[in-house]
Amino acid sequence: MNIKAQGLLNGAKWIEEEYGTSALTEVIRACSPTVRDRYTSAIAINWHPMEEFVEFLGAADRVLGRGDGKIAEYIGASAARANLRGVMVRFAFYVTRPEFLLKRITSLWNQFNDEGAMRLIRLEDTALTFEVMGVTRSSWLFCCAITGWCKEVALATSMVNPIARHPECRARGGARCIWEVRATPKEGPSSGKLPQGKAPSSGKIKPE
């Protein structure tokens, strides 16, 4: 599968903002010459092999994290924030139902990945479930990035304290790739309801 270089470049930018230039330099040095060249020469709309992004995620996870995929999740969240800046998506928050909006967001998959599809298979007041289908080769770290993406999407729809999980992963022997998001019910008369007509949150997922 090929993906847009936006994910790698946004991830590098997030590392620099959160950990500093020296940390980013260390991560890039931990990558192969091919990935280092991609980082220095690519622009966001360029296609490149998913494996290069996975290698970058692995280097970041080793250098900055504990090898548990959390850094990859944060990088996936940074990609979601970039995706949600689109004028059409931001406009949709003012005029559409949550179900329509979330389906619109999942349709963005094919703008950034040339294989497979993402679909919304469950929408409740405090729960979302997504599935990614049709990807030939799966990668656990790539899935970790999608976990962060799902949490950021839930934040954008004003869900309270969302927690994203990846209970089924093809890269780890599962039959499917499924993501579940659970959130805290809202207080007050509209408890548990996803608000309509609210702009996306600009909140960032911070490293623990």
N, C-alpha and C. Protein backbone atom coordinates (compact mmCIF):
# COMPACT_ATOMS: atom_id res chain seq x y z
N MET A 1 0.84 -1.19 0.00
CA MET A 1 0.00 0.00 0.00
C MET A 1 0.88 1.24 0.00
N ASN A 2 0.48 2.24 -0.74
CA ASN A 2 1.14 3.54 -0.72
C ASN A 2 0.28 4.54 0.05
N ILE A 3 0.94 5.45 0.75
CA ILE A 3 0.24 6.46 1.51
C ILE A 3 0.85 7.83 1.20
N LYS A 4 0.12 8.87 1.56
CA LYS A 4 0.64 10.22 1.35
C LYS A 4 1.72 10.52 2.40
N ALA A 5 2.71 11.29 1.97
CA ALA A 5 3.82 11.64 2.86
C ALA A 5 3.41 12.59 3.97
N GLN A 6 2.18 13.07 3.93
CA GLN A 6 1.69 13.96 4.98
C GLN A 6 1.84 13.34 6.36
N GLY A 7 1.58 12.03 6.46
CA GLY A 7 1.68 11.38 7.76
C GLY A 7 3.08 11.44 8.33
N LEU A 8 4.08 11.16 7.51
CA LEU A 8 5.46 11.21 7.97
C LEU A 8 5.87 12.64 8.33
N LEU A 9 5.51 13.60 7.49
CA LEU A 9 5.90 14.99 7.73
C LEU A 9 5.19 15.57 8.95
N ASN A 10 3.90 15.25 9.12
CA ASN A 10 3.19 15.72 10.31
C ASN A 10 3.76 15.09 11.57
N GLY A 11 4.14 13.80 11.46
CA GLY A 11 4.73 13.13 12.60
C GLY A 11 6.05 13.76 13.00
N ALA A 12 6.87 14.10 12.01
CA ALA A 12 8.15 14.76 12.29
C ALA A 12 7.92 16.12 12.93
N LYS A 13 6.94 16.85 12.44
CA LYS A 13 6.63 18.17 13.00
C LYS A 13 6.17 18.04 14.45
N TRP A 14 5.32 17.03 14.71
CA TRP A 14 4.84 16.84 16.08
C TRP A 14 6.01 16.52 17.02
N ILE A 15 6.92 15.66 16.59
CA ILE A 15 8.08 15.31 17.42
C ILE A 15 8.91 16.56 17.72
N GLU A 16 9.13 17.38 16.71
CA GLU A 16 9.93 18.59 16.91
C GLU A 16 9.25 19.54 17.89
N GLU A 17 7.92 19.68 17.77
CA GLU A 17 7.20 20.59 18.66
C GLU A 17 7.17 20.07 20.10
N GLU A 18 7.02 18.77 20.27
CA GLU A 18 6.87 18.20 21.62
C GLU A 18 8.19 17.87 22.29
N TYR A 19 9.19 17.47 21.51
CA TYR A 19 10.45 16.98 22.09
C TYR A 19 11.67 17.79 21.68
N GLY A 20 11.53 18.63 20.66
CA GLY A 20 12.64 19.46 20.24
C GLY A 20 13.36 18.94 19.01
N THR A 21 14.15 19.82 18.42
CA THR A 21 14.85 19.50 17.18
C THR A 21 15.86 18.38 17.35
N SER A 22 16.55 18.35 18.48
CA SER A 22 17.55 17.30 18.69
C SER A 22 16.91 15.92 18.74
N ALA A 23 15.73 15.82 19.34
CA ALA A 23 15.02 14.54 19.40
C ALA A 23 14.60 14.09 18.01
N LEU A 24 14.10 15.03 17.21
CA LEU A 24 13.72 14.69 15.84
C LEU A 24 14.94 14.21 15.06
N THR A 25 16.06 14.90 15.23
CA THR A 25 17.29 14.49 14.54
C THR A 25 17.67 13.07 14.91
N GLU A 26 17.52 12.72 16.19
CA GLU A 26 17.86 11.38 16.65
C GLU A 26 16.94 10.34 16.02
N VAL A 27 15.65 10.67 15.92
CA VAL A 27 14.70 9.75 15.31
C VAL A 27 15.04 9.54 13.83
N ILE A 28 15.30 10.63 13.12
CA ILE A 28 15.61 10.51 11.69
C ILE A 28 16.90 9.71 11.49
N ARG A 29 17.88 9.92 12.35
CA ARG A 29 19.13 9.16 12.23
C ARG A 29 18.92 7.67 12.47
N ALA A 30 17.90 7.33 13.25
CA ALA A 30 17.62 5.93 13.52
C ALA A 30 16.91 5.23 12.36
N CYS A 31 16.53 6.00 11.35
CA CYS A 31 15.85 5.45 10.17
C CYS A 31 16.88 5.07 9.10
N SER A 32 16.43 4.30 8.13
CA SER A 32 17.28 3.91 7.00
C SER A 32 17.55 5.11 6.09
N PRO A 33 18.58 5.03 5.26
CA PRO A 33 18.84 6.12 4.30
C PRO A 33 17.62 6.43 3.41
N THR A 34 16.87 5.41 3.06
CA THR A 34 15.69 5.62 2.21
C THR A 34 14.67 6.52 2.91
N VAL A 35 14.40 6.26 4.18
CA VAL A 35 13.43 7.06 4.92
C VAL A 35 13.98 8.45 5.19
N ARG A 36 15.26 8.53 5.48
CA ARG A 36 15.87 9.86 5.69
C ARG A 36 15.75 10.70 4.42
N ASP A 37 15.98 10.09 3.28
CA ASP A 37 15.84 10.81 2.00
C ASP A 37 14.39 11.23 1.77
N ARG A 38 13.47 10.35 2.13
CA ARG A 38 12.05 10.69 1.95
C ARG A 38 11.68 11.89 2.81
N TYR A 39 12.16 11.91 4.04
CA TYR A 39 11.85 13.01 4.94
C TYR A 39 12.38 14.34 4.40
N THR A 40 13.57 14.33 3.84
CA THR A 40 14.17 15.59 3.38
C THR A 40 13.65 16.05 2.03
N SER A 41 13.11 15.14 1.22
CA SER A 41 12.74 15.51 -0.15
C SER A 41 11.24 15.53 -0.44
N ALA A 42 10.45 14.83 0.36
CA ALA A 42 9.03 14.68 0.04
C ALA A 42 8.23 15.93 0.38
N ILE A 43 7.12 16.10 -0.32
CA ILE A 43 6.10 17.06 0.07
C ILE A 43 4.85 16.27 0.45
N ALA A 44 3.93 16.91 1.13
CA ALA A 44 2.81 16.20 1.76
C ALA A 44 1.98 15.37 0.79
N ILE A 45 1.84 15.81 -0.45
CA ILE A 45 0.96 15.11 -1.39
C ILE A 45 1.64 13.97 -2.13
N ASN A 46 2.94 13.77 -1.90
CA ASN A 46 3.65 12.66 -2.55
C ASN A 46 3.21 11.32 -1.99
N TRP A 47 3.12 10.31 -2.85
CA TRP A 47 2.86 8.95 -2.40
C TRP A 47 4.18 8.27 -2.08
N HIS A 48 4.18 7.40 -1.08
CA HIS A 48 5.35 6.59 -0.78
C HIS A 48 4.90 5.32 -0.09
N PRO A 49 5.74 4.28 -0.03
CA PRO A 49 5.31 3.01 0.56
C PRO A 49 4.98 3.14 2.04
N MET A 50 3.92 2.47 2.44
CA MET A 50 3.52 2.48 3.85
C MET A 50 4.66 2.00 4.74
N GLU A 51 5.47 1.05 4.25
CA GLU A 51 6.55 0.49 5.06
C GLU A 51 7.53 1.57 5.52
N GLU A 52 7.71 2.62 4.74
CA GLU A 52 8.61 3.70 5.15
C GLU A 52 8.04 4.45 6.35
N PHE A 53 6.73 4.69 6.32
CA PHE A 53 6.09 5.35 7.46
C PHE A 53 6.15 4.47 8.70
N VAL A 54 5.93 3.17 8.52
CA VAL A 54 6.00 2.23 9.63
C VAL A 54 7.41 2.23 10.23
N GLU A 55 8.43 2.28 9.37
CA GLU A 55 9.80 2.34 9.87
C GLU A 55 10.03 3.61 10.70
N PHE A 56 9.50 4.73 10.22
CA PHE A 56 9.61 5.99 10.96
C PHE A 56 8.90 5.88 12.31
N LEU A 57 7.70 5.29 12.32
CA LEU A 57 6.98 5.11 13.59
C LEU A 57 7.77 4.24 14.55
N GLY A 58 8.38 3.18 14.03
CA GLY A 58 9.17 2.30 14.88
C GLY A 58 10.37 3.01 15.48
N ALA A 59 11.04 3.83 14.66
CA ALA A 59 12.20 4.58 15.16
C ALA A 59 11.76 5.56 16.24
N ALA A 60 10.66 6.26 16.01
CA ALA A 60 10.15 7.22 17.00
C ALA A 60 9.75 6.51 18.29
N ASP A 61 9.13 5.34 18.14
CA ASP A 61 8.69 4.60 19.32
C ASP A 61 9.87 4.10 20.14
N ARG A 62 10.95 3.72 19.48
CA ARG A 62 12.14 3.26 20.20
C ARG A 62 12.89 4.41 20.87
N VAL A 63 13.05 5.51 20.12
CA VAL A 63 13.85 6.63 20.62
C VAL A 63 13.11 7.42 21.70
N LEU A 64 11.83 7.63 21.52
CA LEU A 64 11.07 8.52 22.41
C LEU A 64 10.13 7.80 23.37
N GLY A 65 9.80 6.56 23.06
CA GLY A 65 8.81 5.85 23.87
C GLY A 65 9.36 4.60 24.51
N ARG A 66 8.43 3.67 24.74
CA ARG A 66 8.78 2.43 25.43
C ARG A 66 8.50 1.21 24.56
N GLY A 67 8.33 1.44 23.26
CA GLY A 67 8.07 0.34 22.37
C GLY A 67 6.66 -0.22 22.47
N ASP A 68 5.75 0.55 23.07
CA ASP A 68 4.38 0.08 23.25
C ASP A 68 3.39 0.67 22.26
N GLY A 69 3.89 1.45 21.30
CA GLY A 69 3.01 2.01 20.28
C GLY A 69 2.39 3.35 20.63
N LYS A 70 2.65 3.87 21.85
CA LYS A 70 2.01 5.13 22.25
C LYS A 70 2.48 6.31 21.40
N ILE A 71 3.77 6.35 21.10
CA ILE A 71 4.26 7.45 20.26
C ILE A 71 3.61 7.39 18.88
N ALA A 72 3.44 6.18 18.36
CA ALA A 72 2.75 6.04 17.07
C ALA A 72 1.31 6.55 17.17
N GLU A 73 0.66 6.33 18.31
CA GLU A 73 -0.70 6.85 18.49
C GLU A 73 -0.71 8.37 18.45
N TYR A 74 0.23 9.00 19.14
CA TYR A 74 0.29 10.45 19.14
C TYR A 74 0.53 11.00 17.73
N ILE A 75 1.37 10.31 16.98
CA ILE A 75 1.65 10.73 15.61
C ILE A 75 0.39 10.58 14.75
N GLY A 76 -0.37 9.50 14.96
CA GLY A 76 -1.64 9.34 14.24
C GLY A 76 -2.63 10.43 14.58
N ALA A 77 -2.64 10.85 15.85
CA ALA A 77 -3.52 11.95 16.25
C ALA A 77 -3.14 13.25 15.56
N SER A 78 -1.83 13.47 15.41
CA SER A 78 -1.39 14.70 14.74
C SER A 78 -1.84 14.69 13.28
N ALA A 79 -1.86 13.50 12.66
CA ALA A 79 -2.34 13.39 11.28
C ALA A 79 -3.83 13.70 11.20
N ALA A 80 -4.59 13.24 12.20
CA ALA A 80 -6.03 13.52 12.22
C ALA A 80 -6.30 15.01 12.31
N ARG A 81 -5.54 15.70 13.17
CA ARG A 81 -5.75 17.15 13.29
C ARG A 81 -5.48 17.84 11.96
N ALA A 82 -4.47 17.38 11.24
CA ALA A 82 -4.18 17.98 9.93
C ALA A 82 -5.31 17.68 8.95
N ASN A 83 -5.81 16.46 8.96
CA ASN A 83 -6.90 16.09 8.05
C ASN A 83 -8.15 16.92 8.31
N LEU A 84 -8.43 17.18 9.60
CA LEU A 84 -9.66 17.87 9.97
C LEU A 84 -9.60 19.37 9.72
N ARG A 85 -8.46 19.87 9.27
CA ARG A 85 -8.38 21.30 8.96
C ARG A 85 -9.06 21.65 7.64
N GLY A 86 -9.39 20.65 6.84
CA GLY A 86 -9.99 20.92 5.54
C GLY A 86 -11.24 21.77 5.65
N VAL A 87 -11.41 22.68 4.75
CA VAL A 87 -12.55 23.60 4.79
C VAL A 87 -13.87 22.85 4.75
N MET A 88 -13.98 21.84 3.90
CA MET A 88 -15.25 21.12 3.78
C MET A 88 -15.57 20.38 5.06
N VAL A 89 -14.58 19.77 5.69
CA VAL A 89 -14.83 19.04 6.93
C VAL A 89 -15.23 20.00 8.04
N ARG A 90 -14.51 21.11 8.18
CA ARG A 90 -14.85 22.08 9.22
C ARG A 90 -16.26 22.63 8.99
N PHE A 91 -16.61 22.89 7.75
CA PHE A 91 -17.94 23.39 7.44
C PHE A 91 -19.00 22.37 7.83
N ALA A 92 -18.71 21.09 7.63
CA ALA A 92 -19.68 20.05 7.93
C ALA A 92 -20.06 20.03 9.40
N PHE A 93 -19.15 20.44 10.29
CA PHE A 93 -19.46 20.44 11.71
C PHE A 93 -20.60 21.41 12.05
N TYR A 94 -20.79 22.40 11.22
CA TYR A 94 -21.83 23.38 11.50
C TYR A 94 -23.19 22.97 10.95
N VAL A 95 -23.24 22.10 9.96
CA VAL A 95 -24.49 21.90 9.24
C VAL A 95 -24.98 20.46 9.18
N THR A 96 -24.25 19.48 9.71
CA THR A 96 -24.64 18.10 9.49
C THR A 96 -24.82 17.34 10.79
N ARG A 97 -25.51 16.18 10.66
CA ARG A 97 -25.65 15.27 11.79
C ARG A 97 -24.33 14.56 12.04
N PRO A 98 -24.07 14.13 13.27
CA PRO A 98 -22.81 13.42 13.57
C PRO A 98 -22.58 12.21 12.67
N GLU A 99 -23.63 11.44 12.37
CA GLU A 99 -23.46 10.25 11.52
C GLU A 99 -22.95 10.63 10.14
N PHE A 100 -23.54 11.66 9.54
CA PHE A 100 -23.10 12.10 8.22
C PHE A 100 -21.66 12.60 8.28
N LEU A 101 -21.37 13.35 9.31
CA LEU A 101 -20.03 13.91 9.47
C LEU A 101 -18.99 12.82 9.60
N LEU A 102 -19.24 11.82 10.45
CA LEU A 102 -18.27 10.77 10.66
C LEU A 102 -18.07 9.93 9.41
N LYS A 103 -19.13 9.70 8.67
CA LYS A 103 -18.97 8.98 7.41
C LYS A 103 -18.17 9.80 6.41
N ARG A 104 -18.34 11.11 6.46
CA ARG A 104 -17.55 11.99 5.59
C ARG A 104 -16.07 11.90 5.98
N ILE A 105 -15.80 11.88 7.28
CA ILE A 105 -14.41 11.80 7.74
C ILE A 105 -13.79 10.47 7.34
N THR A 106 -14.52 9.35 7.51
CA THR A 106 -13.94 8.06 7.15
C THR A 106 -13.69 7.96 5.65
N SER A 107 -14.46 8.68 4.85
CA SER A 107 -14.24 8.65 3.40
C SER A 107 -12.92 9.31 3.01
N LEU A 108 -12.32 10.07 3.93
CA LEU A 108 -11.02 10.68 3.66
C LEU A 108 -9.91 9.64 3.53
N TRP A 109 -10.18 8.42 3.99
CA TRP A 109 -9.16 7.36 3.92
C TRP A 109 -8.51 7.29 2.55
N ASN A 110 -9.34 7.31 1.50
CA ASN A 110 -8.80 7.11 0.15
C ASN A 110 -8.08 8.32 -0.40
N GLN A 111 -8.13 9.45 0.31
CA GLN A 111 -7.32 10.58 -0.08
C GLN A 111 -5.87 10.42 0.38
N PHE A 112 -5.66 9.57 1.38
CA PHE A 112 -4.33 9.43 1.97
C PHE A 112 -3.76 8.01 1.88
N ASN A 113 -4.58 7.07 1.41
CA ASN A 113 -4.15 5.68 1.27
C ASN A 113 -4.70 5.15 -0.06
N ASP A 114 -3.84 4.46 -0.84
CA ASP A 114 -4.31 4.03 -2.16
C ASP A 114 -4.88 2.62 -2.15
N GLU A 115 -5.15 2.08 -0.98
CA GLU A 115 -5.67 0.72 -0.87
C GLU A 115 -6.60 0.66 0.32
N GLY A 116 -7.64 -0.16 0.21
CA GLY A 116 -8.54 -0.39 1.33
C GLY A 116 -9.57 0.71 1.52
N ALA A 117 -10.30 0.62 2.62
CA ALA A 117 -11.35 1.58 2.95
C ALA A 117 -11.59 1.55 4.45
N MET A 118 -12.06 2.67 4.98
CA MET A 118 -12.48 2.75 6.38
C MET A 118 -13.98 3.00 6.42
N ARG A 119 -14.66 2.32 7.34
CA ARG A 119 -16.10 2.56 7.48
C ARG A 119 -16.48 2.67 8.94
N LEU A 120 -17.53 3.43 9.17
CA LEU A 120 -18.13 3.57 10.50
C LEU A 120 -19.17 2.47 10.64
N ILE A 121 -19.00 1.57 11.59
CA ILE A 121 -19.94 0.47 11.73
C ILE A 121 -20.79 0.57 12.99
N ARG A 122 -20.48 1.55 13.85
CA ARG A 122 -21.31 1.75 15.04
C ARG A 122 -21.22 3.19 15.47
N LEU A 123 -22.37 3.79 15.76
CA LEU A 123 -22.42 5.15 16.28
C LEU A 123 -23.47 5.21 17.38
N GLU A 124 -23.01 5.44 18.60
CA GLU A 124 -23.90 5.66 19.73
C GLU A 124 -23.47 6.94 20.43
N ASP A 125 -24.24 7.35 21.42
CA ASP A 125 -23.97 8.62 22.09
C ASP A 125 -22.55 8.68 22.66
N THR A 126 -22.07 7.57 23.20
CA THR A 126 -20.75 7.56 23.83
C THR A 126 -19.86 6.46 23.27
N ALA A 127 -20.14 5.99 22.07
CA ALA A 127 -19.35 4.90 21.50
C ALA A 127 -19.29 5.00 19.98
N LEU A 128 -18.12 4.69 19.45
CA LEU A 128 -17.91 4.62 18.00
C LEU A 128 -17.14 3.35 17.71
N THR A 129 -17.39 2.76 16.54
CA THR A 129 -16.61 1.62 16.07
C THR A 129 -16.29 1.83 14.61
N PHE A 130 -15.01 1.68 14.29
CA PHE A 130 -14.53 1.81 12.92
C PHE A 130 -13.91 0.49 12.47
N GLU A 131 -13.93 0.25 11.15
CA GLU A 131 -13.25 -0.91 10.57
C GLU A 131 -12.47 -0.46 9.35
N VAL A 132 -11.26 -1.00 9.19
CA VAL A 132 -10.48 -0.80 7.98
C VAL A 132 -10.44 -2.14 7.24
N MET A 133 -10.80 -2.11 5.96
CA MET A 133 -10.89 -3.32 5.16
C MET A 133 -10.04 -3.18 3.90
N GLY A 134 -9.66 -4.32 3.32
CA GLY A 134 -9.06 -4.33 2.01
C GLY A 134 -7.61 -3.93 1.93
N VAL A 135 -6.90 -3.91 3.07
CA VAL A 135 -5.47 -3.60 3.06
C VAL A 135 -4.71 -4.92 2.98
N THR A 136 -3.85 -5.04 1.98
CA THR A 136 -3.17 -6.31 1.73
C THR A 136 -2.26 -6.72 2.87
N ARG A 137 -1.38 -5.82 3.31
CA ARG A 137 -0.44 -6.13 4.38
C ARG A 137 -0.72 -5.20 5.56
N SER A 138 -0.88 -5.81 6.73
CA SER A 138 -1.15 -5.03 7.93
C SER A 138 0.13 -4.82 8.72
N SER A 139 0.16 -3.76 9.51
CA SER A 139 1.29 -3.47 10.40
C SER A 139 0.74 -2.99 11.73
N TRP A 140 1.25 -3.57 12.82
CA TRP A 140 0.76 -3.20 14.13
C TRP A 140 1.01 -1.71 14.41
N LEU A 141 2.18 -1.18 14.06
CA LEU A 141 2.48 0.23 14.33
C LEU A 141 1.59 1.14 13.50
N PHE A 142 1.30 0.77 12.27
CA PHE A 142 0.38 1.57 11.45
C PHE A 142 -1.00 1.59 12.11
N CYS A 143 -1.41 0.43 12.64
CA CYS A 143 -2.69 0.37 13.35
C CYS A 143 -2.68 1.24 14.61
N CYS A 144 -1.52 1.30 15.29
CA CYS A 144 -1.42 2.19 16.46
C CYS A 144 -1.66 3.64 16.05
N ALA A 145 -1.11 4.04 14.91
CA ALA A 145 -1.34 5.40 14.42
C ALA A 145 -2.82 5.65 14.17
N ILE A 146 -3.52 4.64 13.64
CA ILE A 146 -4.96 4.78 13.40
C ILE A 146 -5.72 4.87 14.73
N THR A 147 -5.24 4.19 15.76
CA THR A 147 -5.87 4.31 17.08
C THR A 147 -5.86 5.76 17.55
N GLY A 148 -4.70 6.42 17.40
CA GLY A 148 -4.62 7.84 17.74
C GLY A 148 -5.53 8.69 16.88
N TRP A 149 -5.62 8.34 15.60
CA TRP A 149 -6.50 9.05 14.66
C TRP A 149 -7.95 8.96 15.14
N CYS A 150 -8.38 7.75 15.55
CA CYS A 150 -9.76 7.56 15.99
C CYS A 150 -10.06 8.38 17.25
N LYS A 151 -9.12 8.42 18.18
CA LYS A 151 -9.34 9.21 19.40
C LYS A 151 -9.48 10.68 19.05
N GLU A 152 -8.65 11.18 18.15
CA GLU A 152 -8.72 12.60 17.79
C GLU A 152 -10.02 12.94 17.09
N VAL A 153 -10.52 12.02 16.26
CA VAL A 153 -11.82 12.22 15.59
C VAL A 153 -12.92 12.30 16.65
N ALA A 154 -12.86 11.44 17.66
CA ALA A 154 -13.86 11.50 18.73
C ALA A 154 -13.80 12.83 19.47
N LEU A 155 -12.60 13.33 19.73
CA LEU A 155 -12.46 14.65 20.36
C LEU A 155 -13.06 15.74 19.47
N ALA A 156 -12.88 15.59 18.18
CA ALA A 156 -13.40 16.59 17.24
C ALA A 156 -14.92 16.64 17.24
N THR A 157 -15.57 15.52 17.56
CA THR A 157 -17.02 15.51 17.65
C THR A 157 -17.52 15.83 19.05
N SER A 158 -16.59 16.33 19.91
CA SER A 158 -16.91 16.77 21.26
C SER A 158 -17.27 15.64 22.20
N MET A 159 -16.84 14.44 21.92
CA MET A 159 -16.99 13.36 22.90
C MET A 159 -16.10 13.67 24.10
N VAL A 160 -16.56 13.28 25.29
CA VAL A 160 -15.87 13.60 26.53
C VAL A 160 -14.94 12.45 26.94
N ASN A 161 -13.66 12.78 27.14
CA ASN A 161 -12.67 11.80 27.60
C ASN A 161 -12.69 10.50 26.80
N PRO A 162 -12.62 10.58 25.48
CA PRO A 162 -12.68 9.35 24.69
C PRO A 162 -11.44 8.49 24.88
N ILE A 163 -11.65 7.18 24.88
CA ILE A 163 -10.57 6.20 24.93
C ILE A 163 -10.71 5.30 23.72
N ALA A 164 -9.66 5.22 22.91
CA ALA A 164 -9.68 4.39 21.70
C ALA A 164 -8.92 3.10 21.94
N ARG A 165 -9.47 1.99 21.46
CA ARG A 165 -8.84 0.68 21.56
C ARG A 165 -8.86 0.00 20.20
N HIS A 166 -7.92 -0.93 20.03
CA HIS A 166 -7.85 -1.72 18.80
C HIS A 166 -7.96 -3.20 19.17
N PRO A 167 -9.18 -3.67 19.49
CA PRO A 167 -9.34 -5.02 20.03
C PRO A 167 -9.09 -6.14 19.03
N GLU A 168 -9.27 -5.87 17.74
CA GLU A 168 -9.00 -6.86 16.70
C GLU A 168 -8.01 -6.27 15.71
N CYS A 169 -6.89 -6.99 15.49
CA CYS A 169 -5.83 -6.49 14.60
C CYS A 169 -5.35 -7.63 13.72
N ARG A 170 -5.44 -7.46 12.42
CA ARG A 170 -4.99 -8.50 11.50
C ARG A 170 -3.49 -8.73 11.62
N ALA A 171 -2.74 -7.67 11.94
CA ALA A 171 -1.29 -7.82 12.07
C ALA A 171 -0.92 -8.69 13.27
N ARG A 172 -1.87 -8.88 14.17
CA ARG A 172 -1.63 -9.72 15.35
C ARG A 172 -2.54 -10.94 15.38
N GLY A 173 -2.93 -11.38 14.19
CA GLY A 173 -3.67 -12.62 14.07
C GLY A 173 -5.18 -12.51 14.08
N GLY A 174 -5.71 -11.30 14.17
CA GLY A 174 -7.16 -11.11 14.16
C GLY A 174 -7.77 -11.30 12.78
N ALA A 175 -9.07 -11.54 12.75
CA ALA A 175 -9.77 -11.71 11.47
C ALA A 175 -10.04 -10.38 10.79
N ARG A 176 -10.14 -9.32 11.60
CA ARG A 176 -10.44 -7.99 11.06
C ARG A 176 -9.60 -6.95 11.78
N CYS A 177 -9.64 -5.71 11.28
CA CYS A 177 -9.05 -4.57 11.99
C CYS A 177 -10.19 -3.66 12.45
N ILE A 178 -10.42 -3.66 13.76
CA ILE A 178 -11.54 -2.93 14.36
C ILE A 178 -11.01 -1.97 15.42
N TRP A 179 -11.58 -0.77 15.45
CA TRP A 179 -11.25 0.21 16.49
C TRP A 179 -12.53 0.59 17.22
N GLU A 180 -12.46 0.62 18.54
CA GLU A 180 -13.60 1.01 19.36
C GLU A 180 -13.23 2.25 20.17
N VAL A 181 -14.14 3.19 20.25
CA VAL A 181 -13.95 4.40 21.05
C VAL A 181 -15.08 4.47 22.07
N ARG A 182 -14.71 4.65 23.32
CA ARG A 182 -15.69 4.84 24.40
C ARG A 182 -15.47 6.21 25.02
N ALA A 183 -16.56 6.87 25.39
CA ALA A 183 -16.46 8.21 25.97
C ALA A 183 -17.33 8.30 27.21
N THR A 184 -17.09 9.34 28.01
CA THR A 184 -17.86 9.59 29.23
C THR A 184 -19.18 10.26 28.87
N PRO A 185 -20.29 9.82 29.45
CA PRO A 185 -21.57 10.49 29.18
C PRO A 185 -21.51 11.95 29.62
N LYS A 186 -22.16 12.80 28.87
CA LYS A 186 -22.17 14.22 29.22
C LYS A 186 -23.20 14.47 30.31
N GLU A 187 -22.91 15.50 31.12
CA GLU A 187 -23.83 15.87 32.20
C GLU A 187 -24.90 16.82 31.68
N GLY A 188 -26.01 16.85 32.37
CA GLY A 188 -27.05 17.80 32.01
C GLY A 188 -28.15 17.16 31.18
N PRO A 189 -29.11 17.98 30.73
CA PRO A 189 -30.28 17.48 30.00
C PRO A 189 -29.91 16.73 28.73
N SER A 190 -28.80 17.10 28.08
CA SER A 190 -28.44 16.46 26.81
C SER A 190 -27.38 15.39 27.03
N SER A 191 -27.37 14.81 28.25
CA SER A 191 -26.35 13.83 28.61
C SER A 191 -26.22 12.74 27.56
N GLY A 192 -24.97 12.51 27.14
CA GLY A 192 -24.69 11.43 26.21
C GLY A 192 -24.92 11.76 24.77
N LYS A 193 -25.44 12.94 24.47
CA LYS A 193 -25.74 13.27 23.09
C LYS A 193 -24.55 13.95 22.42
N LEU A 194 -24.26 13.53 21.20
CA LEU A 194 -23.25 14.23 20.42
C LEU A 194 -23.83 15.55 19.94
N PRO A 195 -23.19 16.68 20.19
CA PRO A 195 -23.74 17.96 19.80
C PRO A 195 -23.72 18.15 18.30
N GLN A 196 -24.71 18.86 17.81
CA GLN A 196 -24.75 19.21 16.41
C GLN A 196 -24.39 20.70 16.27
N GLY A 197 -23.68 21.01 15.18
CA GLY A 197 -23.38 22.41 14.92
C GLY A 197 -22.25 22.96 15.74
N LYS A 198 -21.27 22.09 16.12
CA LYS A 198 -20.14 22.61 16.90
C LYS A 198 -18.86 22.38 16.13
N ALA A 199 -17.98 23.37 16.16
CA ALA A 199 -16.73 23.26 15.43
C ALA A 199 -15.82 22.26 16.10
N PRO A 200 -14.87 21.64 15.34
CA PRO A 200 -13.97 20.63 15.92
C PRO A 200 -13.05 21.19 16.97
N SER A 201 -12.74 20.35 17.94
CA SER A 201 -11.78 20.75 18.97
C SER A 201 -10.39 20.87 18.39
N SER A 202 -9.62 21.80 18.90
CA SER A 202 -8.23 21.95 18.48
C SER A 202 -7.30 21.37 19.53
N GLY A 203 -7.88 20.65 20.52
CA GLY A 203 -7.06 20.09 21.59
C GLY A 203 -6.10 19.04 21.07
N LYS A 204 -4.94 18.95 21.67
CA LYS A 204 -3.90 18.02 21.25
C LYS A 204 -3.75 16.92 22.28
N ILE A 205 -3.44 15.74 21.80
CA ILE A 205 -3.12 14.64 22.69
C ILE A 205 -1.69 14.82 23.12
N LYS A 206 -1.47 14.99 24.39
CA LYS A 206 -0.13 15.24 24.90
C LYS A 206 0.52 13.94 25.36
N PRO A 207 1.83 13.83 25.22
CA PRO A 207 2.50 12.65 25.75
C PRO A 207 2.32 12.56 27.25
N GLU A 208 2.24 11.31 27.73
CA GLU A 208 2.10 11.10 29.18
C GLU A 208 3.47 11.16 29.85
